[in-house]
Every structure is written in structure tokens, then in C-alpha cells.
């Protein structure tokens, strides 16, 4: 079964940093765009950032611009989300998802199970 596995979430104080990882299982990420999404309690899921197969990133959430950075390491079959200067409003379950093509467009085809990020003092 093809799947994505997120890790790296946890509890962090405001202003702190976390790096989330999204590892592919039983398939190669090389030819797919990968996106990070998040869903806070009582809110709809929102896109955070996406990275194309060639490494071009797209930011979806203005609130994370300049604080979050998406990257990929195809040799490790993993995509990362570096999150700095975290705020309480960043608290959410974070999901990675595989798009159906090289670029960040359309509806993702495969979703991870999510990892909880909690920003609190």
C-alpha cells in the first residue's frame, strides 16, 4: 500500500521551531509535487506550502510566509517543513499529501495520517 508518514510534531513554546518530515512508503516521491496542509480545531483544512518535483515552492498561507520553509530530499524520499517563530495559532494537525503530477495543482491523491503540532507556553 502506498502511503505517506509524517513525523516531527510535538509541543513547542511560542517562538520555537520544529521540523516536520513526510516520508514516502512503497513509492518514489521523485516525480510528484508534495504539499503540507494543516487543520486546527474547529477550522477547515488549509494549505500551507507545496513543493514541485523540481523543488519550486509555493506558499499558500500568508501567515507562515517568512517563517516556514518546505524542502525535499529525493535521495531520502522525504519532504520537510521547517517551522520557525512558531505561534499559538500554528497549533494544528499537519498533513502532507502527494499531488498527482510534477506540479502543485489539482487534488492530492495520497494523504498522510497527520502529526500534531501544539504551540503553547
N, C-alpha and C. Protein backbone atom coordinates (compact mmCIF):
# COMPACT_ATOMS: atom_id res chain seq x y z
N UNK A 1 0.84 -1.19 0.00
CA UNK A 1 0.00 0.00 0.00
C UNK A 1 0.88 1.25 0.00
N UNK A 2 0.58 2.18 -0.92
CA UNK A 2 1.33 3.41 -0.97
C UNK A 2 0.86 4.32 0.14
N UNK A 3 1.81 4.91 0.85
CA UNK A 3 1.40 5.83 1.89
C UNK A 3 2.49 6.83 2.21
N UNK A 4 2.06 7.90 2.92
CA UNK A 4 2.95 8.92 3.42
C UNK A 4 2.91 8.90 4.93
N UNK A 5 4.06 9.08 5.55
CA UNK A 5 4.14 9.04 7.00
C UNK A 5 4.78 10.32 7.49
N UNK A 6 4.02 11.09 8.28
CA UNK A 6 4.54 12.33 8.85
C UNK A 6 5.15 12.07 10.22
N UNK A 7 6.12 12.88 10.58
CA UNK A 7 6.72 12.81 11.91
C UNK A 7 7.29 14.18 12.25
N UNK A 8 7.65 14.36 13.51
CA UNK A 8 8.29 15.59 13.93
C UNK A 8 7.42 16.55 14.69
N UNK A 9 6.14 16.23 14.83
CA UNK A 9 5.27 17.11 15.57
C UNK A 9 5.54 17.03 17.07
N UNK A 10 4.89 17.91 17.81
CA UNK A 10 5.06 17.90 19.26
C UNK A 10 4.62 19.20 19.88
N UNK A 11 5.00 19.36 21.13
CA UNK A 11 4.69 20.58 21.88
C UNK A 11 5.91 21.49 21.89
N UNK A 12 5.68 22.75 21.55
CA UNK A 12 6.78 23.70 21.50
C UNK A 12 6.28 25.03 22.04
N UNK A 13 7.17 25.79 22.63
CA UNK A 13 6.80 27.11 23.15
C UNK A 13 6.72 28.13 22.02
N UNK A 14 5.94 29.16 22.20
CA UNK A 14 5.90 30.23 21.19
C UNK A 14 7.31 30.76 20.91
N UNK A 15 7.57 30.97 19.63
CA UNK A 15 8.90 31.40 19.22
C UNK A 15 9.84 30.25 18.89
N UNK A 16 9.44 29.04 19.22
CA UNK A 16 10.28 27.89 18.98
C UNK A 16 10.20 27.38 17.55
N UNK A 17 10.89 26.27 17.31
CA UNK A 17 10.96 25.69 15.96
C UNK A 17 10.69 24.20 16.00
N UNK A 18 10.18 23.70 14.91
CA UNK A 18 10.02 22.27 14.68
C UNK A 18 10.30 22.00 13.21
N UNK A 19 10.75 20.78 12.93
CA UNK A 19 10.86 20.35 11.55
C UNK A 19 10.03 19.09 11.36
N UNK A 20 9.06 19.21 10.50
CA UNK A 20 8.22 18.06 10.17
C UNK A 20 8.82 17.31 8.98
N UNK A 21 8.65 16.01 9.00
CA UNK A 21 9.11 15.16 7.90
C UNK A 21 7.93 14.40 7.30
N UNK A 22 8.01 14.17 6.02
CA UNK A 22 6.99 13.40 5.30
C UNK A 22 7.72 12.37 4.46
N UNK A 23 7.65 11.13 4.87
CA UNK A 23 8.37 10.06 4.18
C UNK A 23 7.41 9.22 3.36
N UNK A 24 7.83 8.90 2.15
CA UNK A 24 7.01 8.05 1.28
C UNK A 24 7.34 6.58 1.52
N UNK A 25 6.30 5.77 1.52
CA UNK A 25 6.45 4.33 1.74
C UNK A 25 5.95 3.60 0.51
N UNK A 26 6.81 2.80 -0.07
CA UNK A 26 6.49 1.93 -1.23
C UNK A 26 6.29 2.69 -2.53
N UNK A 27 6.71 3.93 -2.61
CA UNK A 27 6.76 4.62 -3.89
C UNK A 27 7.78 5.74 -3.81
N UNK A 28 8.18 6.23 -4.96
CA UNK A 28 9.17 7.29 -5.02
C UNK A 28 8.50 8.65 -5.14
N UNK A 29 9.01 9.60 -4.36
CA UNK A 29 8.48 10.97 -4.44
C UNK A 29 9.04 11.76 -5.61
N UNK A 30 10.03 11.20 -6.30
CA UNK A 30 10.80 11.96 -7.30
C UNK A 30 9.92 12.71 -8.30
N UNK A 31 8.82 12.10 -8.72
CA UNK A 31 8.06 12.67 -9.83
C UNK A 31 6.73 13.29 -9.39
N UNK A 32 6.67 13.65 -8.10
CA UNK A 32 5.42 14.21 -7.59
C UNK A 32 5.67 15.49 -6.81
N UNK A 33 4.72 16.40 -6.93
CA UNK A 33 4.68 17.54 -6.02
C UNK A 33 4.10 17.08 -4.70
N UNK A 34 4.57 17.68 -3.62
CA UNK A 34 4.12 17.34 -2.28
C UNK A 34 3.69 18.62 -1.56
N UNK A 35 2.55 18.54 -0.90
CA UNK A 35 2.06 19.69 -0.17
C UNK A 35 1.93 19.42 1.32
N UNK A 36 2.04 20.49 2.09
CA UNK A 36 1.74 20.43 3.53
C UNK A 36 0.44 21.19 3.76
N UNK A 37 -0.42 20.60 4.57
CA UNK A 37 -1.70 21.18 4.92
C UNK A 37 -1.83 21.12 6.44
N UNK A 38 -2.77 21.90 6.98
CA UNK A 38 -3.00 21.82 8.42
C UNK A 38 -4.48 22.05 8.72
N UNK A 39 -4.89 21.49 9.83
CA UNK A 39 -6.28 21.68 10.28
C UNK A 39 -6.28 21.92 11.77
N UNK A 40 -6.73 23.10 12.13
CA UNK A 40 -6.85 23.47 13.54
C UNK A 40 -8.23 23.07 14.05
N UNK A 41 -8.36 22.90 15.35
CA UNK A 41 -9.67 22.51 15.92
C UNK A 41 -10.76 23.49 15.52
N UNK A 42 -11.84 22.95 14.99
CA UNK A 42 -12.98 23.77 14.63
C UNK A 42 -12.81 24.56 13.34
N UNK A 43 -11.72 24.32 12.64
CA UNK A 43 -11.48 25.05 11.40
C UNK A 43 -11.34 24.08 10.23
N UNK A 44 -11.49 24.62 9.04
CA UNK A 44 -11.30 23.81 7.84
C UNK A 44 -9.80 23.61 7.57
N UNK A 45 -9.51 22.54 6.88
CA UNK A 45 -8.14 22.30 6.50
C UNK A 45 -7.67 23.37 5.51
N UNK A 46 -6.44 23.82 5.69
CA UNK A 46 -5.89 24.83 4.79
C UNK A 46 -4.53 24.39 4.26
N UNK A 47 -4.23 24.84 3.06
CA UNK A 47 -2.93 24.58 2.50
C UNK A 47 -1.88 25.47 3.15
N UNK A 48 -0.70 24.93 3.35
CA UNK A 48 0.41 25.67 3.95
C UNK A 48 1.45 26.01 2.87
N UNK A 49 2.11 24.99 2.37
CA UNK A 49 3.08 25.17 1.30
C UNK A 49 3.14 23.90 0.46
N UNK A 50 3.67 24.07 -0.74
CA UNK A 50 3.81 22.93 -1.65
C UNK A 50 5.17 23.04 -2.34
N UNK A 51 5.69 21.89 -2.73
CA UNK A 51 6.96 21.88 -3.46
C UNK A 51 6.83 20.98 -4.68
N UNK A 52 7.22 21.48 -5.82
CA UNK A 52 7.15 20.70 -7.06
C UNK A 52 8.24 19.64 -7.08
N UNK A 53 8.17 18.78 -8.07
CA UNK A 53 9.18 17.73 -8.19
C UNK A 53 10.57 18.31 -8.44
N UNK A 54 10.60 19.52 -9.02
CA UNK A 54 11.88 20.18 -9.30
C UNK A 54 12.35 21.06 -8.15
N UNK A 55 11.57 21.12 -7.08
CA UNK A 55 11.99 21.88 -5.91
C UNK A 55 11.48 23.30 -5.84
N UNK A 56 10.56 23.66 -6.72
CA UNK A 56 9.99 25.00 -6.67
C UNK A 56 8.87 25.03 -5.65
N UNK A 57 8.94 25.98 -4.73
CA UNK A 57 7.96 26.03 -3.64
C UNK A 57 6.87 27.06 -3.89
N UNK A 58 5.72 26.77 -3.36
CA UNK A 58 4.57 27.66 -3.43
C UNK A 58 4.03 27.84 -2.01
N UNK A 59 3.78 29.08 -1.63
CA UNK A 59 3.24 29.35 -0.31
C UNK A 59 1.74 29.60 -0.42
N UNK A 60 0.96 28.92 0.41
CA UNK A 60 -0.49 29.06 0.35
C UNK A 60 -1.05 29.91 1.50
N UNK A 61 -0.33 29.94 2.60
CA UNK A 61 -0.84 30.64 3.79
C UNK A 61 0.02 31.86 4.07
N UNK A 62 -0.57 33.05 3.97
CA UNK A 62 0.19 34.28 4.22
C UNK A 62 0.77 34.32 5.62
N UNK A 63 0.10 33.69 6.57
CA UNK A 63 0.53 33.77 7.96
C UNK A 63 1.85 33.04 8.22
N UNK A 64 2.26 32.15 7.31
CA UNK A 64 3.51 31.40 7.54
C UNK A 64 4.66 31.92 6.69
N UNK A 65 4.36 32.86 5.82
CA UNK A 65 5.39 33.36 4.92
C UNK A 65 6.55 33.96 5.71
N UNK A 66 7.76 33.53 5.36
CA UNK A 66 8.94 34.00 6.06
C UNK A 66 9.28 33.22 7.31
N UNK A 67 8.36 32.37 7.74
CA UNK A 67 8.61 31.57 8.95
C UNK A 67 8.74 30.07 8.63
N UNK A 68 8.01 29.60 7.65
CA UNK A 68 8.03 28.18 7.27
C UNK A 68 8.76 28.01 5.94
N UNK A 69 9.46 26.89 5.82
CA UNK A 69 10.16 26.59 4.59
C UNK A 69 10.00 25.12 4.25
N UNK A 70 9.52 24.87 3.04
CA UNK A 70 9.37 23.49 2.57
C UNK A 70 10.60 23.12 1.76
N UNK A 71 11.02 21.87 1.88
CA UNK A 71 12.17 21.39 1.11
C UNK A 71 12.00 19.89 0.87
N UNK A 72 12.81 19.38 -0.01
CA UNK A 72 12.73 17.94 -0.28
C UNK A 72 14.12 17.36 -0.48
N UNK A 73 14.25 16.10 -0.10
CA UNK A 73 15.48 15.35 -0.31
C UNK A 73 15.06 14.06 -1.00
N UNK A 74 15.15 14.04 -2.31
CA UNK A 74 14.70 12.88 -3.06
C UNK A 74 15.52 11.63 -2.74
N UNK A 75 16.77 11.82 -2.40
CA UNK A 75 17.60 10.67 -2.05
C UNK A 75 17.07 9.96 -0.80
N UNK A 76 16.45 10.74 0.08
CA UNK A 76 15.87 10.17 1.30
C UNK A 76 14.36 9.94 1.15
N UNK A 77 13.85 10.28 -0.05
CA UNK A 77 12.41 10.08 -0.30
C UNK A 77 11.56 10.79 0.74
N UNK A 78 11.97 12.00 1.09
CA UNK A 78 11.34 12.73 2.19
C UNK A 78 11.19 14.21 1.84
N UNK A 79 10.09 14.78 2.29
CA UNK A 79 9.84 16.22 2.20
C UNK A 79 9.77 16.76 3.61
N UNK A 80 10.28 17.97 3.80
CA UNK A 80 10.34 18.57 5.12
C UNK A 80 9.56 19.87 5.17
N UNK A 81 9.15 20.23 6.37
CA UNK A 81 8.58 21.55 6.62
C UNK A 81 9.28 22.11 7.85
N UNK A 82 10.17 23.06 7.61
CA UNK A 82 10.86 23.72 8.71
C UNK A 82 9.98 24.87 9.19
N UNK A 83 9.64 24.84 10.46
CA UNK A 83 8.75 25.84 11.03
C UNK A 83 9.48 26.61 12.12
N UNK A 84 9.66 27.89 11.90
CA UNK A 84 10.35 28.76 12.86
C UNK A 84 9.40 29.81 13.40
N UNK A 85 9.79 30.44 14.49
CA UNK A 85 8.99 31.51 15.10
C UNK A 85 7.54 31.08 15.26
N UNK A 86 7.35 29.92 15.80
CA UNK A 86 6.00 29.36 15.91
C UNK A 86 5.12 30.19 16.85
N UNK A 87 3.85 30.23 16.48
CA UNK A 87 2.85 30.99 17.22
C UNK A 87 1.74 30.05 17.70
N UNK A 88 1.03 30.44 18.74
CA UNK A 88 -0.08 29.58 19.19
C UNK A 88 -1.08 29.29 18.07
N UNK A 89 -1.28 30.22 17.17
CA UNK A 89 -2.23 29.98 16.07
C UNK A 89 -1.73 29.00 15.04
N UNK A 90 -0.48 28.55 15.16
CA UNK A 90 0.02 27.49 14.28
C UNK A 90 -0.38 26.10 14.79
N UNK A 91 -0.97 26.06 15.96
CA UNK A 91 -1.41 24.79 16.52
C UNK A 91 -2.42 24.12 15.60
N UNK A 92 -2.13 22.89 15.20
CA UNK A 92 -2.99 22.17 14.26
C UNK A 92 -2.44 20.76 14.05
N UNK A 93 -3.22 19.96 13.39
CA UNK A 93 -2.70 18.70 12.86
C UNK A 93 -2.18 19.00 11.46
N UNK A 94 -0.95 18.62 11.23
CA UNK A 94 -0.31 18.88 9.95
C UNK A 94 -0.26 17.60 9.12
N UNK A 95 -0.67 17.74 7.86
CA UNK A 95 -0.71 16.61 6.94
C UNK A 95 0.16 16.90 5.72
N UNK A 96 0.81 15.87 5.21
CA UNK A 96 1.42 16.01 3.90
C UNK A 96 0.59 15.21 2.90
N UNK A 97 0.69 15.61 1.65
CA UNK A 97 -0.12 14.98 0.62
C UNK A 97 0.64 14.97 -0.71
N UNK A 98 0.43 13.92 -1.46
CA UNK A 98 1.07 13.78 -2.77
C UNK A 98 0.10 14.23 -3.86
N UNK A 99 0.55 15.14 -4.69
CA UNK A 99 -0.24 15.53 -5.84
C UNK A 99 -0.08 14.47 -6.94
N UNK A 100 -0.93 14.59 -7.93
CA UNK A 100 -0.96 13.56 -8.98
C UNK A 100 0.07 13.79 -10.08
N UNK A 101 0.84 14.89 -9.97
CA UNK A 101 1.73 15.26 -11.05
C UNK A 101 2.98 15.93 -10.50
N UNK A 102 3.78 16.46 -11.42
CA UNK A 102 5.04 17.10 -11.05
C UNK A 102 4.84 18.44 -10.34
N UNK A 103 3.71 19.09 -10.62
CA UNK A 103 3.47 20.44 -10.14
C UNK A 103 2.36 20.45 -9.07
N UNK A 104 2.30 21.59 -8.37
CA UNK A 104 1.33 21.74 -7.28
C UNK A 104 -0.01 22.22 -7.82
N UNK A 105 -0.77 21.32 -8.38
CA UNK A 105 -2.09 21.69 -8.87
C UNK A 105 -3.00 20.49 -8.78
N UNK A 106 -4.29 20.76 -8.78
CA UNK A 106 -5.26 19.68 -8.70
C UNK A 106 -5.47 19.21 -7.27
N UNK A 107 -6.08 18.08 -7.16
CA UNK A 107 -6.40 17.49 -5.85
C UNK A 107 -5.36 16.44 -5.48
N UNK A 108 -4.80 16.53 -4.28
CA UNK A 108 -3.84 15.49 -3.88
C UNK A 108 -4.46 14.10 -3.91
N UNK A 109 -3.61 13.12 -4.23
CA UNK A 109 -4.08 11.76 -4.38
C UNK A 109 -3.86 10.90 -3.15
N UNK A 110 -2.84 11.23 -2.39
CA UNK A 110 -2.47 10.42 -1.23
C UNK A 110 -2.20 11.33 -0.04
N UNK A 111 -2.77 10.98 1.11
CA UNK A 111 -2.60 11.78 2.33
C UNK A 111 -1.94 10.96 3.42
N UNK A 112 -1.16 11.66 4.24
CA UNK A 112 -0.61 11.03 5.43
C UNK A 112 -1.62 11.04 6.55
N UNK A 113 -1.22 10.48 7.67
CA UNK A 113 -2.14 10.35 8.79
C UNK A 113 -2.16 11.60 9.67
N UNK A 114 -1.19 12.46 9.49
CA UNK A 114 -1.12 13.71 10.23
C UNK A 114 -0.22 13.62 11.45
N UNK A 115 0.30 14.78 11.83
CA UNK A 115 1.12 14.88 13.05
C UNK A 115 0.69 16.14 13.80
N UNK A 116 0.53 16.03 15.10
CA UNK A 116 0.02 17.14 15.90
C UNK A 116 1.14 18.11 16.24
N UNK A 117 0.88 19.38 16.01
CA UNK A 117 1.78 20.45 16.44
C UNK A 117 1.01 21.34 17.41
N UNK A 118 1.56 21.50 18.60
CA UNK A 118 0.94 22.35 19.61
C UNK A 118 1.94 23.40 20.05
N UNK A 119 1.53 24.66 19.92
CA UNK A 119 2.38 25.78 20.31
C UNK A 119 1.75 26.43 21.53
N UNK A 120 2.42 26.27 22.65
CA UNK A 120 1.85 26.76 23.90
C UNK A 120 2.94 26.92 24.93
N UNK A 121 2.75 27.91 25.80
CA UNK A 121 3.69 28.11 26.90
C UNK A 121 3.20 27.37 28.15
